């Protein structure tokens, strides 16, 4: 049996490589993306590329306020899907 309880991240390697080449990046940990991932096509248009890695469906679709207050917000995964399908 194998188990691992250590929290690790690897996004910093990609971020460092991109920034070394002069590419500006915005890096959001999952708990940050849960509340701060863009909620509109207009907000997504400020990015040239969006990379999702090791992020769960619920993180993008169900913001923290939904759990704590029952607040509904836009389906950000659907917005991202439409953005990409339309050339974003």
C-alpha atoms as a PDB file:
ATOM      1  CA  UNK A   1       0.000   0.000   0.000  1.00  0.00           C
ATOM      2  CA  UNK A   2       1.211   3.492  -0.827  1.00  0.00           C
ATOM      3  CA  UNK A   3       0.005   6.697   0.748  1.00  0.00           C
ATOM      4  CA  UNK A   4       1.197  10.270   0.774  1.00  0.00           C
ATOM      5  CA  UNK A   5      -0.051  13.012   3.047  1.00  0.00           C
ATOM      6  CA  UNK A   6       2.376  15.675   1.916  1.00  0.00           C
ATOM      7  CA  UNK A   7       1.075  18.829   0.220  1.00  0.00           C
ATOM      8  CA  UNK A   8       3.177  19.797  -2.768  1.00  0.00           C
ATOM      9  CA  UNK A   9       2.893  22.118  -5.749  1.00  0.00           C
ATOM     10  CA  UNK A  10       4.692  22.082  -9.060  1.00  0.00           C
ATOM     11  CA  UNK A  11       3.153  25.122 -10.753  1.00  0.00           C
ATOM     12  CA  UNK A  12       6.036  27.289  -9.640  1.00  0.00           C
ATOM     13  CA  UNK A  13       8.359  25.495 -12.082  1.00  0.00           C
ATOM     14  CA  UNK A  14       6.171  26.320 -15.084  1.00  0.00           C
ATOM     15  CA  UNK A  15       5.596  29.844 -13.811  1.00  0.00           C
ATOM     16  CA  UNK A  16       9.344  30.438 -13.394  1.00  0.00           C
ATOM     17  CA  UNK A  17      10.095  29.088 -16.877  1.00  0.00           C
ATOM     18  CA  UNK A  18       7.457  31.311 -18.475  1.00  0.00           C
ATOM     19  CA  UNK A  19       8.538  34.398 -16.572  1.00  0.00           C
ATOM     20  CA  UNK A  20      12.193  33.725 -17.486  1.00  0.00           C
ATOM     21  CA  UNK A  21      11.069  34.125 -21.097  1.00  0.00           C
ATOM     22  CA  UNK A  22       9.301  37.402 -20.244  1.00  0.00           C
ATOM     23  CA  UNK A  23       5.786  35.956 -20.129  1.00  0.00           C
ATOM     24  CA  UNK A  24       3.608  37.493 -17.425  1.00  0.00           C
ATOM     25  CA  UNK A  25       1.669  34.923 -15.418  1.00  0.00           C
ATOM     26  CA  UNK A  26      -1.176  34.782 -12.926  1.00  0.00           C
ATOM     27  CA  UNK A  27      -1.041  31.699 -10.733  1.00  0.00           C
ATOM     28  CA  UNK A  28      -4.034  30.700  -8.623  1.00  0.00           C
ATOM     29  CA  UNK A  29      -3.935  27.900  -6.106  1.00  0.00           C
ATOM     30  CA  UNK A  30      -7.149  25.848  -5.986  1.00  0.00           C
ATOM     31  CA  UNK A  31      -8.447  27.564  -2.866  1.00  0.00           C
ATOM     32  CA  UNK A  32      -7.857  30.954  -4.530  1.00  0.00           C
ATOM     33  CA  UNK A  33      -9.407  29.900  -7.839  1.00  0.00           C
ATOM     34  CA  UNK A  34     -12.521  28.796  -5.970  1.00  0.00           C
ATOM     35  CA  UNK A  35     -13.353  32.441  -5.285  1.00  0.00           C
ATOM     36  CA  UNK A  36     -11.242  34.427  -7.777  1.00  0.00           C
ATOM     37  CA  UNK A  37     -11.348  32.546 -11.093  1.00  0.00           C
ATOM     38  CA  UNK A  38     -12.870  34.878 -13.732  1.00  0.00           C
ATOM     39  CA  UNK A  39     -16.665  34.923 -13.863  1.00  0.00           C
ATOM     40  CA  UNK A  40     -17.236  36.437 -17.296  1.00  0.00           C
ATOM     41  CA  UNK A  41     -16.026  36.244 -20.863  1.00  0.00           C
ATOM     42  CA  UNK A  42     -14.832  39.822 -20.557  1.00  0.00           C
ATOM     43  CA  UNK A  43     -12.664  38.908 -17.571  1.00  0.00           C
ATOM     44  CA  UNK A  44     -11.223  35.908 -19.433  1.00  0.00           C
ATOM     45  CA  UNK A  45     -10.321  38.095 -22.415  1.00  0.00           C
ATOM     46  CA  UNK A  46      -7.516  39.661 -20.382  1.00  0.00           C
ATOM     47  CA  UNK A  47      -5.663  36.301 -20.624  1.00  0.00           C
ATOM     48  CA  UNK A  48      -3.937  34.852 -23.686  1.00  0.00           C
ATOM     49  CA  UNK A  49      -3.813  31.340 -22.219  1.00  0.00           C
ATOM     50  CA  UNK A  50      -5.621  29.558 -19.394  1.00  0.00           C
ATOM     51  CA  UNK A  51      -4.052  26.383 -18.027  1.00  0.00           C
ATOM     52  CA  UNK A  52      -5.986  24.226 -15.587  1.00  0.00           C
ATOM     53  CA  UNK A  53      -4.054  21.521 -13.778  1.00  0.00           C
ATOM     54  CA  UNK A  54      -5.063  19.373 -10.833  1.00  0.00           C
ATOM     55  CA  UNK A  55      -8.176  21.399 -10.169  1.00  0.00           C
ATOM     56  CA  UNK A  56     -11.512  19.813  -9.433  1.00  0.00           C
ATOM     57  CA  UNK A  57     -14.805  20.521 -11.155  1.00  0.00           C
ATOM     58  CA  UNK A  58     -16.334  21.834  -7.921  1.00  0.00           C
ATOM     59  CA  UNK A  59     -13.546  24.385  -7.484  1.00  0.00           C
ATOM     60  CA  UNK A  60     -14.566  26.168 -10.683  1.00  0.00           C
ATOM     61  CA  UNK A  61     -18.310  25.501 -10.670  1.00  0.00           C
ATOM     62  CA  UNK A  62     -19.251  25.828  -6.993  1.00  0.00           C
ATOM     63  CA  UNK A  63     -17.795  28.915  -5.271  1.00  0.00           C
ATOM     64  CA  UNK A  64     -17.373  28.982  -1.484  1.00  0.00           C
ATOM     65  CA  UNK A  65     -20.449  31.221  -1.031  1.00  0.00           C
ATOM     66  CA  UNK A  66     -22.648  28.466  -2.426  1.00  0.00           C
ATOM     67  CA  UNK A  67     -21.643  26.182   0.430  1.00  0.00           C
ATOM     68  CA  UNK A  68     -21.716  28.808   3.173  1.00  0.00           C
ATOM     69  CA  UNK A  69     -24.646  31.008   2.077  1.00  0.00           C
ATOM     70  CA  UNK A  70     -26.453  29.186  -0.721  1.00  0.00           C
ATOM     71  CA  UNK A  71     -25.476  31.977  -3.127  1.00  0.00           C
ATOM     72  CA  UNK A  72     -25.625  31.135  -6.823  1.00  0.00           C
ATOM     73  CA  UNK A  73     -23.088  32.517  -9.268  1.00  0.00           C
ATOM     74  CA  UNK A  74     -22.272  32.035 -12.921  1.00  0.00           C
ATOM     75  CA  UNK A  75     -21.048  28.615 -14.035  1.00  0.00           C
ATOM     76  CA  UNK A  76     -17.430  29.544 -14.667  1.00  0.00           C
ATOM     77  CA  UNK A  77     -16.629  26.249 -16.373  1.00  0.00           C
ATOM     78  CA  UNK A  78     -19.380  26.889 -18.904  1.00  0.00           C
ATOM     79  CA  UNK A  79     -18.079  30.424 -19.434  1.00  0.00           C
ATOM     80  CA  UNK A  80     -14.564  29.043 -20.005  1.00  0.00           C
ATOM     81  CA  UNK A  81     -15.917  26.415 -22.413  1.00  0.00           C
ATOM     82  CA  UNK A  82     -17.784  29.029 -24.457  1.00  0.00           C
ATOM     83  CA  UNK A  83     -14.763  31.322 -24.413  1.00  0.00           C
ATOM     84  CA  UNK A  84     -12.507  28.589 -25.834  1.00  0.00           C
ATOM     85  CA  UNK A  85     -15.061  27.416 -28.419  1.00  0.00           C
ATOM     86  CA  UNK A  86     -15.372  31.004 -29.644  1.00  0.00           C
ATOM     87  CA  UNK A  87     -11.617  31.323 -30.175  1.00  0.00           C
ATOM     88  CA  UNK A  88     -10.413  32.526 -26.785  1.00  0.00           C
END
